[in-house]
């Protein structure tokens, strides 16, 4: 079931709902740096890397990808 675009489609719908119905000003995704598929989905949706954060519970550095609503 990999590679069929389901994650991109679902995430796109969630972003639209968040921006249009909920009025969110920004959405951020925390992604493990080795999760190439999630990074590709974030890129396809227009999210851009903005930071790296340390998740203390897991001892991991995670990438932060974020997006603001279109103008």
N, C-alpha and C. Protein backbone atom coordinates (compact mmCIF):
# COMPACT_ATOMS: atom_id res chain seq x y z
N UNK A 1 0.81 -1.20 0.00
CA UNK A 1 0.00 0.00 0.00
C UNK A 1 0.85 1.26 0.00
N UNK A 2 2.16 1.13 -0.06
CA UNK A 2 3.04 2.30 -0.07
C UNK A 2 3.02 2.95 -1.45
N UNK A 3 3.24 4.25 -1.48
CA UNK A 3 3.43 4.95 -2.74
C UNK A 3 2.18 5.23 -3.54
N UNK A 4 1.02 5.19 -2.92
CA UNK A 4 -0.22 5.44 -3.65
C UNK A 4 -0.79 6.83 -3.41
N UNK A 5 -0.11 7.63 -2.62
CA UNK A 5 -0.54 9.00 -2.40
C UNK A 5 -1.57 9.21 -1.32
N UNK A 6 -1.87 8.16 -0.56
CA UNK A 6 -2.89 8.29 0.49
C UNK A 6 -2.48 9.29 1.57
N UNK A 7 -1.22 9.25 1.99
CA UNK A 7 -0.76 10.16 3.04
C UNK A 7 -0.83 11.60 2.55
N UNK A 8 -0.40 11.84 1.32
CA UNK A 8 -0.44 13.19 0.77
C UNK A 8 -1.87 13.70 0.68
N UNK A 9 -2.77 12.84 0.21
CA UNK A 9 -4.18 13.23 0.07
C UNK A 9 -4.80 13.53 1.43
N UNK A 10 -4.56 12.69 2.40
CA UNK A 10 -5.12 12.89 3.74
C UNK A 10 -4.54 14.14 4.40
N UNK A 11 -3.23 14.32 4.28
CA UNK A 11 -2.60 15.49 4.88
C UNK A 11 -3.05 16.78 4.21
N UNK A 12 -3.25 16.73 2.91
CA UNK A 12 -3.73 17.90 2.19
C UNK A 12 -5.11 18.31 2.68
N UNK A 13 -5.98 17.33 2.88
CA UNK A 13 -7.32 17.61 3.40
C UNK A 13 -7.26 18.17 4.81
N UNK A 14 -6.37 17.63 5.63
CA UNK A 14 -6.23 18.11 7.01
C UNK A 14 -5.71 19.55 7.04
N UNK A 15 -4.76 19.86 6.17
CA UNK A 15 -4.25 21.23 6.10
C UNK A 15 -5.34 22.19 5.66
N UNK A 16 -6.10 21.81 4.64
CA UNK A 16 -7.18 22.67 4.16
C UNK A 16 -8.18 22.94 5.28
N UNK A 17 -8.56 21.91 6.00
CA UNK A 17 -9.51 22.07 7.11
C UNK A 17 -8.93 22.98 8.19
N UNK A 18 -7.68 22.76 8.53
CA UNK A 18 -7.05 23.57 9.57
C UNK A 18 -6.97 25.04 9.20
N UNK A 19 -6.61 25.32 7.96
CA UNK A 19 -6.47 26.70 7.54
C UNK A 19 -7.83 27.36 7.27
N UNK A 20 -8.70 26.66 6.56
CA UNK A 20 -9.96 27.27 6.13
C UNK A 20 -11.01 27.29 7.24
N UNK A 21 -11.18 26.18 7.94
CA UNK A 21 -12.26 26.09 8.93
C UNK A 21 -11.83 26.49 10.33
N UNK A 22 -10.61 26.17 10.68
CA UNK A 22 -10.15 26.41 12.04
C UNK A 22 -9.33 27.70 12.18
N UNK A 23 -8.94 28.28 11.05
CA UNK A 23 -8.19 29.53 11.09
C UNK A 23 -6.77 29.42 11.62
N UNK A 24 -6.16 28.26 11.46
CA UNK A 24 -4.79 28.10 11.95
C UNK A 24 -3.84 29.02 11.18
N UNK A 25 -2.85 29.54 11.88
CA UNK A 25 -1.88 30.43 11.26
C UNK A 25 -0.64 29.70 10.77
N UNK A 26 -0.41 28.49 11.28
CA UNK A 26 0.74 27.70 10.87
C UNK A 26 0.50 26.26 11.32
N UNK A 27 1.01 25.33 10.53
CA UNK A 27 0.98 23.92 10.89
C UNK A 27 2.41 23.40 10.82
N UNK A 28 2.81 22.64 11.82
CA UNK A 28 4.17 22.09 11.85
C UNK A 28 4.11 20.57 11.93
N UNK A 29 5.08 19.95 11.28
CA UNK A 29 5.23 18.49 11.32
C UNK A 29 6.59 18.17 11.93
N UNK A 30 6.62 17.25 12.87
CA UNK A 30 7.88 16.76 13.43
C UNK A 30 8.20 15.45 12.75
N UNK A 31 9.36 15.38 12.09
CA UNK A 31 9.69 14.23 11.26
C UNK A 31 11.08 13.71 11.63
N UNK A 32 11.17 12.40 11.80
CA UNK A 32 12.48 11.77 12.02
C UNK A 32 13.31 11.97 10.76
N UNK A 33 14.57 12.37 10.89
CA UNK A 33 15.38 12.68 9.72
C UNK A 33 15.57 11.51 8.74
N UNK A 34 15.42 10.29 9.21
CA UNK A 34 15.57 9.14 8.32
C UNK A 34 14.26 8.72 7.65
N UNK A 35 13.17 9.41 7.98
CA UNK A 35 11.87 9.07 7.40
C UNK A 35 11.68 9.82 6.08
N UNK A 36 12.32 9.30 5.06
CA UNK A 36 12.35 9.95 3.75
C UNK A 36 10.96 10.11 3.17
N UNK A 37 10.10 9.11 3.34
CA UNK A 37 8.74 9.20 2.79
C UNK A 37 7.96 10.37 3.40
N UNK A 38 8.08 10.56 4.70
CA UNK A 38 7.37 11.68 5.35
C UNK A 38 7.94 13.02 4.91
N UNK A 39 9.23 13.07 4.71
CA UNK A 39 9.85 14.31 4.22
C UNK A 39 9.33 14.62 2.82
N UNK A 40 9.20 13.61 1.98
CA UNK A 40 8.66 13.82 0.62
C UNK A 40 7.22 14.32 0.66
N UNK A 41 6.42 13.75 1.55
CA UNK A 41 5.02 14.20 1.68
C UNK A 41 5.01 15.67 2.11
N UNK A 42 5.80 16.01 3.11
CA UNK A 42 5.85 17.41 3.57
C UNK A 42 6.26 18.33 2.43
N UNK A 43 7.27 17.94 1.66
CA UNK A 43 7.70 18.75 0.52
C UNK A 43 6.58 18.92 -0.50
N UNK A 44 5.87 17.83 -0.82
CA UNK A 44 4.77 17.89 -1.79
C UNK A 44 3.67 18.84 -1.35
N UNK A 45 3.45 18.91 -0.04
CA UNK A 45 2.39 19.76 0.50
C UNK A 45 2.82 21.23 0.62
N UNK A 46 4.09 21.49 0.37
CA UNK A 46 4.57 22.86 0.47
C UNK A 46 5.20 23.21 1.79
N UNK A 47 5.33 22.22 2.67
CA UNK A 47 5.99 22.47 3.95
C UNK A 47 7.49 22.62 3.70
N UNK A 48 8.13 23.44 4.50
CA UNK A 48 9.57 23.65 4.38
C UNK A 48 10.24 23.44 5.73
N UNK A 49 11.48 22.93 5.71
CA UNK A 49 12.18 22.73 6.98
C UNK A 49 12.46 24.08 7.65
N UNK A 50 12.13 24.16 8.92
CA UNK A 50 12.29 25.43 9.63
C UNK A 50 13.18 25.31 10.87
N UNK A 51 13.36 24.09 11.38
CA UNK A 51 14.16 23.93 12.60
C UNK A 51 14.43 22.46 12.85
N UNK A 52 15.24 22.22 13.86
CA UNK A 52 15.45 20.89 14.40
C UNK A 52 15.23 20.99 15.90
N UNK A 53 14.49 20.03 16.45
CA UNK A 53 14.23 20.03 17.89
C UNK A 53 14.64 18.69 18.48
N UNK A 54 14.96 18.70 19.75
CA UNK A 54 15.32 17.47 20.44
C UNK A 54 14.11 16.98 21.22
N UNK A 55 13.67 15.78 20.90
CA UNK A 55 12.58 15.14 21.62
C UNK A 55 13.21 14.38 22.77
N UNK A 56 13.11 14.93 23.96
CA UNK A 56 13.83 14.40 25.12
C UNK A 56 13.42 12.99 25.48
N UNK A 57 12.13 12.68 25.38
CA UNK A 57 11.66 11.35 25.79
C UNK A 57 12.30 10.25 24.95
N UNK A 58 12.50 10.52 23.68
CA UNK A 58 13.08 9.52 22.80
C UNK A 58 14.55 9.75 22.53
N UNK A 59 15.07 10.87 23.00
CA UNK A 59 16.46 11.20 22.76
C UNK A 59 16.77 11.39 21.29
N UNK A 60 15.79 11.90 20.55
CA UNK A 60 15.95 12.06 19.11
C UNK A 60 15.96 13.52 18.70
N UNK A 61 16.71 13.82 17.67
CA UNK A 61 16.60 15.12 17.02
C UNK A 61 15.62 14.95 15.88
N UNK A 62 14.58 15.77 15.85
CA UNK A 62 13.55 15.70 14.83
C UNK A 62 13.57 16.95 13.97
N UNK A 63 13.24 16.79 12.70
CA UNK A 63 13.13 17.92 11.80
C UNK A 63 11.74 18.55 11.97
N UNK A 64 11.70 19.86 11.92
CA UNK A 64 10.43 20.58 11.97
C UNK A 64 10.19 21.14 10.57
N UNK A 65 9.10 20.69 9.96
CA UNK A 65 8.65 21.24 8.68
C UNK A 65 7.38 22.01 8.98
N UNK A 66 7.24 23.20 8.38
CA UNK A 66 6.03 23.98 8.65
C UNK A 66 5.51 24.66 7.40
N UNK A 67 4.26 25.08 7.50
CA UNK A 67 3.59 25.76 6.39
C UNK A 67 2.59 26.75 6.97
N UNK A 68 2.44 27.86 6.27
CA UNK A 68 1.44 28.86 6.61
C UNK A 68 0.35 28.83 5.54
N UNK A 69 -0.83 29.34 5.83
CA UNK A 69 -1.90 29.30 4.84
C UNK A 69 -1.55 30.14 3.62
N UNK A 70 -2.04 29.73 2.46
CA UNK A 70 -1.81 30.54 1.26
C UNK A 70 -2.51 31.89 1.39
N UNK A 71 -1.96 32.87 0.74
CA UNK A 71 -2.55 34.22 0.81
C UNK A 71 -3.73 34.36 -0.10
